[in-house]
């Protein structure tokens, strides 16, 4: 058994060396994969932010359009009320004369 001991030690050392090399490669692979995932996450985040900005711009434009129409409608309603009051005033004048 003593003649096999150096051989077994050598085999064990070789096995440990190959395991260490595999784990190093695995760690490097995991680091590379993590870096790729991080880059992809940043890319997706940027696309989401760009889309959110587009949607915000559309919402703001639509809100301005609705506000403008509301203002126009308010002006038209104010003019109609003013015209109606003017006619009512004329009718009252005509009735009292």
N, C-alpha and C. Protein backbone atom coordinates (compact mmCIF):
# COMPACT_ATOMS: atom_id res chain seq x y z
N UNK A 1 0.83 -1.19 0.00
CA UNK A 1 0.00 0.00 0.00
C UNK A 1 0.86 1.25 0.00
N UNK A 2 2.05 1.12 0.62
CA UNK A 2 2.92 2.28 0.69
C UNK A 2 3.42 2.70 -0.69
N UNK A 3 3.53 1.78 -1.64
CA UNK A 3 3.97 2.14 -2.99
C UNK A 3 2.84 2.84 -3.76
N UNK A 4 1.62 2.60 -3.36
CA UNK A 4 0.47 3.25 -4.02
C UNK A 4 0.17 4.62 -3.44
N UNK A 5 0.69 4.89 -2.25
CA UNK A 5 0.37 6.16 -1.58
C UNK A 5 0.79 7.37 -2.40
N UNK A 6 2.01 7.42 -2.96
CA UNK A 6 2.37 8.59 -3.78
C UNK A 6 1.50 8.71 -5.02
N UNK A 7 1.14 7.55 -5.62
CA UNK A 7 0.28 7.57 -6.80
C UNK A 7 -1.12 8.09 -6.45
N UNK A 8 -1.68 7.64 -5.35
CA UNK A 8 -2.99 8.10 -4.90
C UNK A 8 -2.96 9.59 -4.56
N UNK A 9 -1.86 10.01 -3.96
CA UNK A 9 -1.71 11.43 -3.64
C UNK A 9 -1.67 12.26 -4.92
N UNK A 10 -0.94 11.76 -5.91
CA UNK A 10 -0.85 12.46 -7.19
C UNK A 10 -2.22 12.52 -7.88
N UNK A 11 -2.94 11.41 -7.85
CA UNK A 11 -4.28 11.37 -8.46
C UNK A 11 -5.22 12.34 -7.73
N UNK A 12 -5.15 12.36 -6.41
CA UNK A 12 -6.00 13.26 -5.62
C UNK A 12 -5.66 14.71 -5.93
N UNK A 13 -4.37 15.01 -6.05
CA UNK A 13 -3.95 16.38 -6.36
C UNK A 13 -4.43 16.78 -7.75
N UNK A 14 -4.35 15.87 -8.70
CA UNK A 14 -4.82 16.16 -10.06
C UNK A 14 -6.33 16.39 -10.06
N UNK A 15 -7.05 15.59 -9.31
CA UNK A 15 -8.51 15.74 -9.24
C UNK A 15 -8.88 17.08 -8.62
N UNK A 16 -8.19 17.44 -7.56
CA UNK A 16 -8.46 18.72 -6.91
C UNK A 16 -8.13 19.89 -7.82
N UNK A 17 -7.03 19.77 -8.57
CA UNK A 17 -6.64 20.82 -9.50
C UNK A 17 -7.70 20.99 -10.59
N UNK A 18 -8.17 19.87 -11.12
CA UNK A 18 -9.19 19.95 -12.18
C UNK A 18 -10.50 20.50 -11.62
N UNK A 19 -10.86 20.12 -10.39
CA UNK A 19 -12.06 20.68 -9.77
C UNK A 19 -11.91 22.18 -9.54
N UNK A 20 -10.74 22.60 -9.12
CA UNK A 20 -10.50 24.03 -8.91
C UNK A 20 -10.60 24.78 -10.24
N UNK A 21 -10.07 24.21 -11.29
CA UNK A 21 -10.14 24.85 -12.61
C UNK A 21 -11.59 24.93 -13.07
N UNK A 22 -12.35 23.87 -12.86
CA UNK A 22 -13.77 23.88 -13.25
C UNK A 22 -14.54 24.93 -12.46
N UNK A 23 -14.28 24.99 -11.16
CA UNK A 23 -15.02 25.96 -10.35
C UNK A 23 -14.65 27.38 -10.73
N UNK A 24 -13.37 27.60 -11.10
CA UNK A 24 -12.95 28.93 -11.54
C UNK A 24 -13.67 29.29 -12.83
N UNK A 25 -13.71 28.34 -13.77
CA UNK A 25 -14.42 28.59 -15.02
C UNK A 25 -15.90 28.83 -14.76
N UNK A 26 -16.46 28.07 -13.86
CA UNK A 26 -17.88 28.24 -13.52
C UNK A 26 -18.12 29.60 -12.90
N UNK A 27 -17.25 30.02 -12.01
CA UNK A 27 -17.40 31.33 -11.38
C UNK A 27 -17.28 32.42 -12.43
N UNK A 28 -16.32 32.28 -13.33
CA UNK A 28 -16.17 33.27 -14.40
C UNK A 28 -17.39 33.27 -15.30
N UNK A 29 -17.90 32.08 -15.60
CA UNK A 29 -19.10 31.98 -16.42
C UNK A 29 -20.29 32.63 -15.76
N UNK A 30 -20.43 32.40 -14.46
CA UNK A 30 -21.54 33.01 -13.72
C UNK A 30 -21.38 34.52 -13.70
N UNK A 31 -20.15 35.00 -13.51
CA UNK A 31 -19.92 36.45 -13.52
C UNK A 31 -20.25 37.04 -14.88
N UNK A 32 -19.86 36.35 -15.95
CA UNK A 32 -20.18 36.83 -17.30
C UNK A 32 -21.68 36.83 -17.54
N UNK A 33 -22.34 35.74 -17.11
CA UNK A 33 -23.80 35.68 -17.26
C UNK A 33 -24.48 36.79 -16.46
N UNK A 34 -23.99 37.03 -15.26
CA UNK A 34 -24.57 38.10 -14.44
C UNK A 34 -24.38 39.45 -15.10
N UNK A 35 -23.23 39.65 -15.71
CA UNK A 35 -22.95 40.91 -16.41
C UNK A 35 -23.90 41.07 -17.61
N UNK A 36 -24.10 39.98 -18.34
CA UNK A 36 -25.03 40.02 -19.49
C UNK A 36 -26.45 40.31 -19.04
N UNK A 37 -26.86 39.67 -17.95
CA UNK A 37 -28.21 39.90 -17.41
C UNK A 37 -28.35 41.35 -16.96
N UNK A 38 -27.32 41.88 -16.32
CA UNK A 38 -27.35 43.28 -15.88
C UNK A 38 -27.47 44.21 -17.08
N UNK A 39 -26.67 43.96 -18.12
CA UNK A 39 -26.74 44.80 -19.32
C UNK A 39 -28.12 44.73 -19.96
N UNK A 40 -28.69 43.52 -20.01
CA UNK A 40 -30.02 43.35 -20.61
C UNK A 40 -31.07 44.08 -19.76
N UNK A 41 -30.93 44.00 -18.45
CA UNK A 41 -31.87 44.69 -17.56
C UNK A 41 -31.80 46.19 -17.77
N UNK A 42 -30.60 46.72 -17.93
CA UNK A 42 -30.44 48.16 -18.18
C UNK A 42 -31.07 48.52 -19.52
N UNK A 43 -30.86 47.68 -20.53
CA UNK A 43 -31.45 47.93 -21.85
C UNK A 43 -32.98 47.94 -21.77
N UNK A 44 -33.54 46.97 -21.08
CA UNK A 44 -35.01 46.89 -20.93
C UNK A 44 -35.52 48.09 -20.15
N UNK A 45 -34.81 48.47 -19.08
CA UNK A 45 -35.21 49.63 -18.29
C UNK A 45 -35.23 50.88 -19.15
N UNK A 46 -34.21 51.05 -19.98
CA UNK A 46 -34.14 52.22 -20.86
C UNK A 46 -35.31 52.24 -21.84
N UNK A 47 -35.66 51.06 -22.37
CA UNK A 47 -36.80 50.98 -23.30
C UNK A 47 -38.10 51.32 -22.58
N UNK A 48 -38.25 50.84 -21.35
CA UNK A 48 -39.45 51.12 -20.57
C UNK A 48 -39.54 52.61 -20.27
N UNK A 49 -38.43 53.21 -19.91
CA UNK A 49 -38.42 54.66 -19.63
C UNK A 49 -38.77 55.44 -20.89
N UNK A 50 -38.18 55.05 -22.03
CA UNK A 50 -38.49 55.73 -23.29
C UNK A 50 -39.97 55.62 -23.62
N UNK A 51 -40.54 54.44 -23.43
CA UNK A 51 -41.97 54.23 -23.71
C UNK A 51 -42.82 55.05 -22.75
N UNK A 52 -42.43 55.10 -21.49
CA UNK A 52 -43.17 55.89 -20.51
C UNK A 52 -43.16 57.37 -20.88
N UNK A 53 -42.03 57.85 -21.37
CA UNK A 53 -41.93 59.25 -21.80
C UNK A 53 -42.85 59.49 -23.00
N UNK A 54 -42.87 58.54 -23.95
CA UNK A 54 -43.78 58.67 -25.09
C UNK A 54 -45.23 58.74 -24.64
N UNK A 55 -45.60 57.84 -23.74
CA UNK A 55 -46.98 57.80 -23.23
C UNK A 55 -47.30 59.09 -22.50
N UNK A 56 -46.36 59.57 -21.69
CA UNK A 56 -46.58 60.83 -20.96
C UNK A 56 -46.81 61.97 -21.94
N UNK A 57 -46.00 62.02 -22.99
CA UNK A 57 -46.16 63.08 -24.00
C UNK A 57 -47.52 63.03 -24.66
N UNK A 58 -47.98 61.82 -24.98
CA UNK A 58 -49.31 61.67 -25.59
C UNK A 58 -50.39 62.11 -24.62
N UNK A 59 -50.26 61.72 -23.36
CA UNK A 59 -51.26 62.10 -22.35
C UNK A 59 -51.27 63.61 -22.16
N UNK A 60 -50.10 64.22 -22.10
CA UNK A 60 -50.02 65.68 -21.93
C UNK A 60 -50.65 66.38 -23.13
N UNK A 61 -50.32 65.92 -24.35
CA UNK A 61 -50.89 66.53 -25.55
C UNK A 61 -52.41 66.40 -25.56
N UNK A 62 -52.91 65.22 -25.20
CA UNK A 62 -54.36 65.00 -25.18
C UNK A 62 -55.01 65.87 -24.11
N UNK A 63 -54.36 66.01 -22.96
CA UNK A 63 -54.90 66.85 -21.88
C UNK A 63 -54.98 68.31 -22.32
N UNK A 64 -53.96 68.78 -23.01
CA UNK A 64 -53.96 70.16 -23.52
C UNK A 64 -55.08 70.35 -24.53
N UNK A 65 -55.25 69.35 -25.40
CA UNK A 65 -56.32 69.41 -26.40
C UNK A 65 -57.70 69.47 -25.71
N UNK A 66 -57.89 68.64 -24.71
CA UNK A 66 -59.17 68.64 -23.97
C UNK A 66 -59.37 69.96 -23.25
N UNK A 67 -58.31 70.49 -22.63
CA UNK A 67 -58.40 71.76 -21.93
C UNK A 67 -58.79 72.87 -22.90
N UNK A 68 -58.16 72.88 -24.07
CA UNK A 68 -58.46 73.91 -25.07
C UNK A 68 -59.92 73.82 -25.51
N UNK A 69 -60.40 72.59 -25.72
CA UNK A 69 -61.81 72.42 -26.10
C UNK A 69 -62.74 72.85 -24.98
N UNK A 70 -62.34 72.58 -23.75
CA UNK A 70 -63.15 72.98 -22.60
C UNK A 70 -63.22 74.49 -22.51
N UNK A 71 -62.09 75.15 -22.71
CA UNK A 71 -62.05 76.61 -22.68
C UNK A 71 -62.93 77.18 -23.79
N UNK A 72 -62.80 76.60 -24.99
CA UNK A 72 -63.65 77.06 -26.10
C UNK A 72 -65.13 76.87 -25.78
N UNK A 73 -65.45 75.72 -25.21
CA UNK A 73 -66.84 75.45 -24.82
C UNK A 73 -67.32 76.41 -23.75
N UNK A 74 -66.44 76.71 -22.81
CA UNK A 74 -66.79 77.67 -21.75
C UNK A 74 -67.03 79.06 -22.32
N UNK A 75 -66.19 79.44 -23.25
CA UNK A 75 -66.38 80.75 -23.89
C UNK A 75 -67.71 80.80 -24.64
N UNK A 76 -67.99 79.73 -25.38
CA UNK A 76 -69.25 79.68 -26.13
C UNK A 76 -70.44 79.72 -25.18
N UNK A 77 -70.36 79.00 -24.07
CA UNK A 77 -71.44 79.00 -23.09
C UNK A 77 -71.58 80.39 -22.48
N UNK A 78 -70.46 81.03 -22.17
CA UNK A 78 -70.50 82.39 -21.61
C UNK A 78 -71.14 83.37 -22.58
N UNK A 79 -70.79 83.25 -23.86
CA UNK A 79 -71.38 84.13 -24.87
C UNK A 79 -72.88 83.88 -25.00
N UNK A 80 -73.29 82.61 -24.93
CA UNK A 80 -74.71 82.29 -25.03
C UNK A 80 -75.47 82.85 -23.84
N UNK A 81 -74.90 82.72 -22.66
CA UNK A 81 -75.55 83.27 -21.46
C UNK A 81 -75.61 84.78 -21.56
N UNK A 82 -74.50 85.39 -21.99
CA UNK A 82 -74.48 86.84 -22.15
C UNK A 82 -75.52 87.30 -23.16
N UNK A 83 -75.61 86.60 -24.27
CA UNK A 83 -76.59 86.93 -25.29
C UNK A 83 -78.01 86.76 -24.75
N UNK A 84 -78.22 85.69 -24.02
CA UNK A 84 -79.54 85.45 -23.43
C UNK A 84 -79.90 86.53 -22.43
N UNK A 85 -78.95 86.95 -21.61
CA UNK A 85 -79.19 88.02 -20.64
C UNK A 85 -79.47 89.34 -21.35
N UNK A 86 -78.73 89.56 -22.41
CA UNK A 86 -78.93 90.79 -23.19
C UNK A 86 -80.35 90.82 -23.77
N UNK A 87 -80.80 89.69 -24.32
CA UNK A 87 -82.14 89.61 -24.88
C UNK A 87 -83.19 89.75 -23.79
N UNK A 88 -82.90 89.15 -22.63
CA UNK A 88 -83.85 89.27 -21.53
C UNK A 88 -83.94 90.71 -21.06
N UNK A 89 -82.78 91.38 -21.02
CA UNK A 89 -82.77 92.80 -20.64
C UNK A 89 -83.55 93.64 -21.62
N UNK A 90 -83.40 93.36 -22.89
CA UNK A 90 -84.15 94.09 -23.91
C UNK A 90 -85.65 93.82 -23.78
N UNK A 91 -85.98 92.58 -23.45
CA UNK A 91 -87.40 92.22 -23.28
C UNK A 91 -87.99 92.95 -22.09
N UNK A 92 -87.20 93.05 -21.01
CA UNK A 92 -87.68 93.76 -19.82
C UNK A 92 -87.85 95.24 -20.14
N UNK A 93 -86.89 95.82 -20.86
CA UNK A 93 -86.99 97.22 -21.29
C UNK A 93 -88.25 97.44 -22.12
N UNK A 94 -88.45 96.52 -23.08
CA UNK A 94 -89.62 96.64 -23.94
C UNK A 94 -90.93 96.52 -23.16
N UNK A 95 -90.90 95.71 -22.13
CA UNK A 95 -92.14 95.51 -21.36
C UNK A 95 -92.40 96.70 -20.45
N UNK A 96 -91.36 97.34 -20.00
CA UNK A 96 -91.56 98.48 -19.09
C UNK A 96 -91.79 99.78 -19.81
N UNK A 97 -91.52 99.86 -21.08
CA UNK A 97 -91.74 101.11 -21.84
C UNK A 97 -93.12 101.21 -22.34
